[in-house]
Amino acid sequence: MLFVRIMPGRYRGNPFRPRLESRISPVDCEVVTETADSPYEAIIGVAEEKGCDLIMMASHGRRGVKAILIGSETQKVLTHSNIPVLVYR
């Protein structure tokens, strides 16, 4: 299992790493933190680089104007990935 956390391109450092690793410690899991201006590209890139069979993402389920204005990284991954994507809502 691979857990990927994408931080904004301007972000430096990762205060979340120890907390993430302690939350998932019972599961054999690698934690990867990427800094990217385009999160969906980073998600797909890491998944391809690590040879993942599946990308699992959460969706907030925004609808209407809010969804159009905010955009959806999950939707972008669904659209651009050659790897199957499982969306949890």
N, C-alpha and C. Protein backbone atom coordinates (compact mmCIF):
# COMPACT_ATOMS: atom_id res chain seq x y z
N MET A 1 0.84 -1.16 0.00
CA MET A 1 0.00 0.00 0.00
C MET A 1 0.89 1.23 0.00
N LEU A 2 0.46 2.24 -0.70
CA LEU A 2 1.20 3.49 -0.81
C LEU A 2 0.27 4.63 -0.46
N PHE A 3 0.68 5.47 0.48
CA PHE A 3 -0.11 6.64 0.86
C PHE A 3 0.60 7.86 0.33
N VAL A 4 -0.07 8.65 -0.50
CA VAL A 4 0.54 9.84 -1.10
C VAL A 4 -0.16 11.08 -0.58
N ARG A 5 0.62 12.03 -0.09
CA ARG A 5 0.08 13.32 0.35
C ARG A 5 0.68 14.37 -0.56
N ILE A 6 -0.17 15.14 -1.22
CA ILE A 6 0.28 16.19 -2.13
C ILE A 6 0.13 17.53 -1.44
N MET A 7 1.22 18.28 -1.39
CA MET A 7 1.22 19.60 -0.79
C MET A 7 1.33 20.66 -1.90
N PRO A 8 0.82 21.87 -1.66
CA PRO A 8 0.93 22.93 -2.67
C PRO A 8 2.39 23.21 -3.01
N GLY A 9 2.63 23.66 -4.24
CA GLY A 9 3.98 23.91 -4.72
C GLY A 9 4.78 24.86 -3.86
N ARG A 10 4.13 25.79 -3.19
CA ARG A 10 4.84 26.76 -2.36
C ARG A 10 5.16 26.22 -0.97
N TYR A 11 4.65 25.04 -0.62
CA TYR A 11 4.81 24.47 0.72
C TYR A 11 6.20 23.90 0.91
N ARG A 12 6.79 24.14 2.08
CA ARG A 12 8.10 23.58 2.41
C ARG A 12 7.99 22.88 3.75
N GLY A 13 8.43 21.65 3.83
CA GLY A 13 8.37 20.90 5.08
C GLY A 13 7.16 19.99 5.13
N ASN A 14 7.12 19.09 6.12
CA ASN A 14 5.99 18.18 6.23
C ASN A 14 5.74 17.83 7.69
N PRO A 15 4.95 18.67 8.40
CA PRO A 15 4.67 18.37 9.79
C PRO A 15 3.71 17.18 9.97
N PHE A 16 3.09 16.71 8.90
CA PHE A 16 2.09 15.65 8.98
C PHE A 16 2.70 14.25 8.94
N ARG A 17 3.91 14.10 8.46
CA ARG A 17 4.49 12.78 8.24
C ARG A 17 4.48 11.87 9.48
N PRO A 18 4.98 12.32 10.65
CA PRO A 18 4.94 11.40 11.81
C PRO A 18 3.52 10.99 12.18
N ARG A 19 2.58 11.92 12.10
CA ARG A 19 1.20 11.60 12.44
C ARG A 19 0.61 10.60 11.45
N LEU A 20 0.91 10.77 10.16
CA LEU A 20 0.40 9.83 9.15
C LEU A 20 0.97 8.45 9.37
N GLU A 21 2.27 8.36 9.61
CA GLU A 21 2.89 7.06 9.79
C GLU A 21 2.35 6.35 11.03
N SER A 22 2.06 7.09 12.10
CA SER A 22 1.53 6.45 13.29
C SER A 22 0.10 5.96 13.09
N ARG A 23 -0.67 6.65 12.24
CA ARG A 23 -2.05 6.24 12.00
C ARG A 23 -2.14 4.97 11.17
N ILE A 24 -1.17 4.73 10.30
CA ILE A 24 -1.25 3.59 9.39
C ILE A 24 -0.23 2.51 9.73
N SER A 25 0.40 2.60 10.89
CA SER A 25 1.47 1.68 11.24
C SER A 25 1.09 0.20 11.24
N PRO A 26 -0.17 -0.19 11.57
CA PRO A 26 -0.49 -1.62 11.54
C PRO A 26 -0.49 -2.20 10.11
N VAL A 27 -0.52 -1.34 9.12
CA VAL A 27 -0.56 -1.78 7.73
C VAL A 27 0.81 -1.53 7.11
N ASP A 28 1.32 -2.50 6.35
CA ASP A 28 2.58 -2.31 5.64
C ASP A 28 2.35 -1.26 4.56
N CYS A 29 2.88 -0.06 4.77
CA CYS A 29 2.54 1.05 3.90
C CYS A 29 3.73 2.00 3.76
N GLU A 30 3.95 2.49 2.57
CA GLU A 30 4.97 3.50 2.32
C GLU A 30 4.27 4.85 2.22
N VAL A 31 4.82 5.86 2.91
CA VAL A 31 4.26 7.21 2.86
C VAL A 31 5.14 8.06 1.96
N VAL A 32 4.53 8.68 0.96
CA VAL A 32 5.24 9.56 0.03
C VAL A 32 4.60 10.93 0.09
N THR A 33 5.43 11.97 0.24
CA THR A 33 4.94 13.33 0.22
C THR A 33 5.54 14.03 -0.99
N GLU A 34 4.69 14.61 -1.80
CA GLU A 34 5.12 15.33 -2.99
C GLU A 34 4.70 16.79 -2.88
N THR A 35 5.50 17.67 -3.44
CA THR A 35 5.15 19.08 -3.55
C THR A 35 4.86 19.34 -5.02
N ALA A 36 3.66 19.86 -5.30
CA ALA A 36 3.27 20.03 -6.71
C ALA A 36 2.29 21.18 -6.87
N ASP A 37 2.38 21.84 -8.00
CA ASP A 37 1.41 22.87 -8.35
C ASP A 37 0.16 22.24 -8.96
N SER A 38 0.32 21.05 -9.51
CA SER A 38 -0.79 20.34 -10.13
C SER A 38 -0.95 18.99 -9.43
N PRO A 39 -1.78 18.94 -8.38
CA PRO A 39 -1.89 17.70 -7.59
C PRO A 39 -2.27 16.46 -8.38
N TYR A 40 -3.20 16.58 -9.34
CA TYR A 40 -3.61 15.39 -10.07
C TYR A 40 -2.45 14.79 -10.86
N GLU A 41 -1.59 15.64 -11.43
CA GLU A 41 -0.43 15.13 -12.17
C GLU A 41 0.55 14.44 -11.23
N ALA A 42 0.72 14.99 -10.02
CA ALA A 42 1.62 14.37 -9.04
C ALA A 42 1.08 13.02 -8.59
N ILE A 43 -0.22 12.93 -8.35
CA ILE A 43 -0.84 11.67 -7.93
C ILE A 43 -0.64 10.60 -8.99
N ILE A 44 -0.93 10.94 -10.23
CA ILE A 44 -0.76 9.98 -11.33
C ILE A 44 0.71 9.62 -11.51
N GLY A 45 1.58 10.62 -11.43
CA GLY A 45 3.02 10.38 -11.59
C GLY A 45 3.57 9.43 -10.55
N VAL A 46 3.23 9.63 -9.29
CA VAL A 46 3.70 8.75 -8.21
C VAL A 46 3.13 7.34 -8.39
N ALA A 47 1.85 7.26 -8.73
CA ALA A 47 1.22 5.95 -8.92
C ALA A 47 1.90 5.17 -10.05
N GLU A 48 2.23 5.85 -11.15
CA GLU A 48 2.92 5.19 -12.26
C GLU A 48 4.35 4.81 -11.86
N GLU A 49 5.04 5.72 -11.19
CA GLU A 49 6.42 5.48 -10.77
C GLU A 49 6.53 4.29 -9.82
N LYS A 50 5.57 4.16 -8.92
CA LYS A 50 5.58 3.08 -7.92
C LYS A 50 4.91 1.80 -8.42
N GLY A 51 4.36 1.83 -9.64
CA GLY A 51 3.73 0.64 -10.21
C GLY A 51 2.43 0.24 -9.52
N CYS A 52 1.65 1.22 -9.11
CA CYS A 52 0.38 0.94 -8.42
C CYS A 52 -0.64 0.32 -9.37
N ASP A 53 -1.45 -0.58 -8.82
CA ASP A 53 -2.51 -1.24 -9.59
C ASP A 53 -3.82 -0.47 -9.53
N LEU A 54 -3.96 0.38 -8.51
CA LEU A 54 -5.22 1.09 -8.27
C LEU A 54 -4.93 2.39 -7.54
N ILE A 55 -5.67 3.43 -7.89
CA ILE A 55 -5.62 4.70 -7.16
C ILE A 55 -6.96 4.83 -6.45
N MET A 56 -6.91 5.03 -5.12
CA MET A 56 -8.14 5.23 -4.36
C MET A 56 -8.15 6.67 -3.86
N MET A 57 -9.26 7.35 -4.10
CA MET A 57 -9.38 8.75 -3.71
C MET A 57 -10.73 9.00 -3.06
N ALA A 58 -10.78 10.00 -2.20
CA ALA A 58 -12.04 10.42 -1.61
C ALA A 58 -12.61 11.57 -2.43
N SER A 59 -13.92 11.69 -2.40
CA SER A 59 -14.60 12.79 -3.08
C SER A 59 -15.50 13.47 -2.07
N HIS A 60 -15.49 14.80 -2.08
CA HIS A 60 -16.36 15.56 -1.18
C HIS A 60 -17.78 15.62 -1.70
N GLY A 61 -17.98 15.29 -2.95
CA GLY A 61 -19.32 15.26 -3.51
C GLY A 61 -19.93 16.64 -3.74
N ARG A 62 -19.09 17.62 -4.01
CA ARG A 62 -19.63 18.96 -4.30
C ARG A 62 -20.37 18.92 -5.62
N ARG A 63 -21.43 19.72 -5.69
CA ARG A 63 -22.25 19.75 -6.91
C ARG A 63 -22.50 21.18 -7.34
N GLY A 64 -22.95 21.30 -8.56
CA GLY A 64 -23.37 22.61 -9.06
C GLY A 64 -22.23 23.59 -9.23
N VAL A 65 -22.52 24.86 -8.98
CA VAL A 65 -21.55 25.93 -9.19
C VAL A 65 -20.30 25.74 -8.33
N LYS A 66 -20.47 25.28 -7.11
CA LYS A 66 -19.33 25.08 -6.22
C LYS A 66 -18.33 24.08 -6.83
N ALA A 67 -18.83 23.02 -7.41
CA ALA A 67 -17.95 22.02 -8.03
C ALA A 67 -17.24 22.60 -9.25
N ILE A 68 -17.94 23.42 -10.01
CA ILE A 68 -17.33 24.01 -11.21
C ILE A 68 -16.25 25.02 -10.82
N LEU A 69 -16.53 25.85 -9.84
CA LEU A 69 -15.57 26.87 -9.42
C LEU A 69 -14.35 26.29 -8.73
N ILE A 70 -14.57 25.33 -7.85
CA ILE A 70 -13.47 24.75 -7.10
C ILE A 70 -12.68 23.76 -7.95
N GLY A 71 -13.33 23.04 -8.82
CA GLY A 71 -12.66 22.01 -9.61
C GLY A 71 -12.51 20.76 -8.75
N SER A 72 -12.18 19.68 -9.35
CA SER A 72 -12.05 18.44 -8.61
C SER A 72 -10.79 17.70 -9.03
N GLU A 73 -9.87 17.56 -8.09
CA GLU A 73 -8.66 16.80 -8.38
C GLU A 73 -9.02 15.34 -8.65
N THR A 74 -10.03 14.84 -7.95
CA THR A 74 -10.47 13.47 -8.18
C THR A 74 -10.95 13.31 -9.62
N GLN A 75 -11.75 14.25 -10.09
CA GLN A 75 -12.24 14.21 -11.47
C GLN A 75 -11.09 14.26 -12.47
N LYS A 76 -10.09 15.08 -12.19
CA LYS A 76 -8.93 15.18 -13.09
C LYS A 76 -8.15 13.88 -13.12
N VAL A 77 -7.98 13.23 -11.95
CA VAL A 77 -7.29 11.95 -11.93
C VAL A 77 -8.10 10.91 -12.71
N LEU A 78 -9.43 10.90 -12.50
CA LEU A 78 -10.29 9.97 -13.25
C LEU A 78 -10.15 10.16 -14.75
N THR A 79 -10.06 11.41 -15.18
CA THR A 79 -10.00 11.73 -16.60
C THR A 79 -8.65 11.40 -17.23
N HIS A 80 -7.56 11.62 -16.50
CA HIS A 80 -6.23 11.53 -17.09
C HIS A 80 -5.45 10.26 -16.78
N SER A 81 -5.89 9.47 -15.81
CA SER A 81 -5.12 8.30 -15.40
C SER A 81 -5.42 7.07 -16.26
N ASN A 82 -4.35 6.34 -16.56
CA ASN A 82 -4.51 5.04 -17.22
C ASN A 82 -4.66 3.93 -16.18
N ILE A 83 -4.41 4.26 -14.92
CA ILE A 83 -4.55 3.32 -13.81
C ILE A 83 -5.99 3.41 -13.30
N PRO A 84 -6.63 2.29 -12.98
CA PRO A 84 -7.99 2.34 -12.46
C PRO A 84 -8.07 3.20 -11.19
N VAL A 85 -9.18 3.94 -11.04
CA VAL A 85 -9.38 4.82 -9.90
C VAL A 85 -10.66 4.41 -9.18
N LEU A 86 -10.55 4.19 -7.86
CA LEU A 86 -11.71 3.89 -7.02
C LEU A 86 -12.00 5.15 -6.21
N VAL A 87 -13.24 5.67 -6.32
CA VAL A 87 -13.61 6.90 -5.62
C VAL A 87 -14.53 6.56 -4.46
N TYR A 88 -14.14 7.00 -3.27
CA TYR A 88 -14.96 6.83 -2.06
C TYR A 88 -15.62 8.15 -1.74
N ARG A 89 -16.93 8.12 -1.56
CA ARG A 89 -17.66 9.37 -1.26
C ARG A 89 -18.43 9.23 0.00
